[in-house]
């Protein structure tokens, strides 16, 4: 794999010559559960927010014991200074482009507390349809600084609990 490596708990991202690979370390006692889902249903959602198809699977854990059960999925292709993530992986109708430089990729870049997928929310309020672009120099981009502010404003668990309690008191 390439030099770049981002990690976040049970998932991490590695750059290779084609783009980004998502590495998923199995969180439960059945290291083959994701392979079974791919075989039976053609897709699997890992880490409560990344949905992959069979064609995305680069490497499944070996059935031999002793090694950590890690799946490797093609997450993004690298083109013209951006990582192009198929929208279906993130639950979006359109692809997501993230500039290669300027943003550290980790689970919370894509999924907020309580497993809220961030990019489908952005897609809902985006003034124009089409790709979601973060960083870089494209005219239609969300600047990295604005994207970071947006991530910081996603409600945390305490805020969501307070909101729910307020709504229930009405």
Foldseek 3Di string as FASTA:
>chain_A
DDDDKAEDPQWIWDQDPFGIKIKGFDDDPDLCPQVVCQVPPQWDQPPLFFIDGPVQWPDFADPDPDDTGMTIGNAFGDDDQWTWGQCVRGVHPAIETEGPPDDRDYVLLQAAAPRRGDVNVCQVPPPDHYYAYEDDDDPRYDDPVNSVVVSVPDDHPVVVVVVVVVVVVD
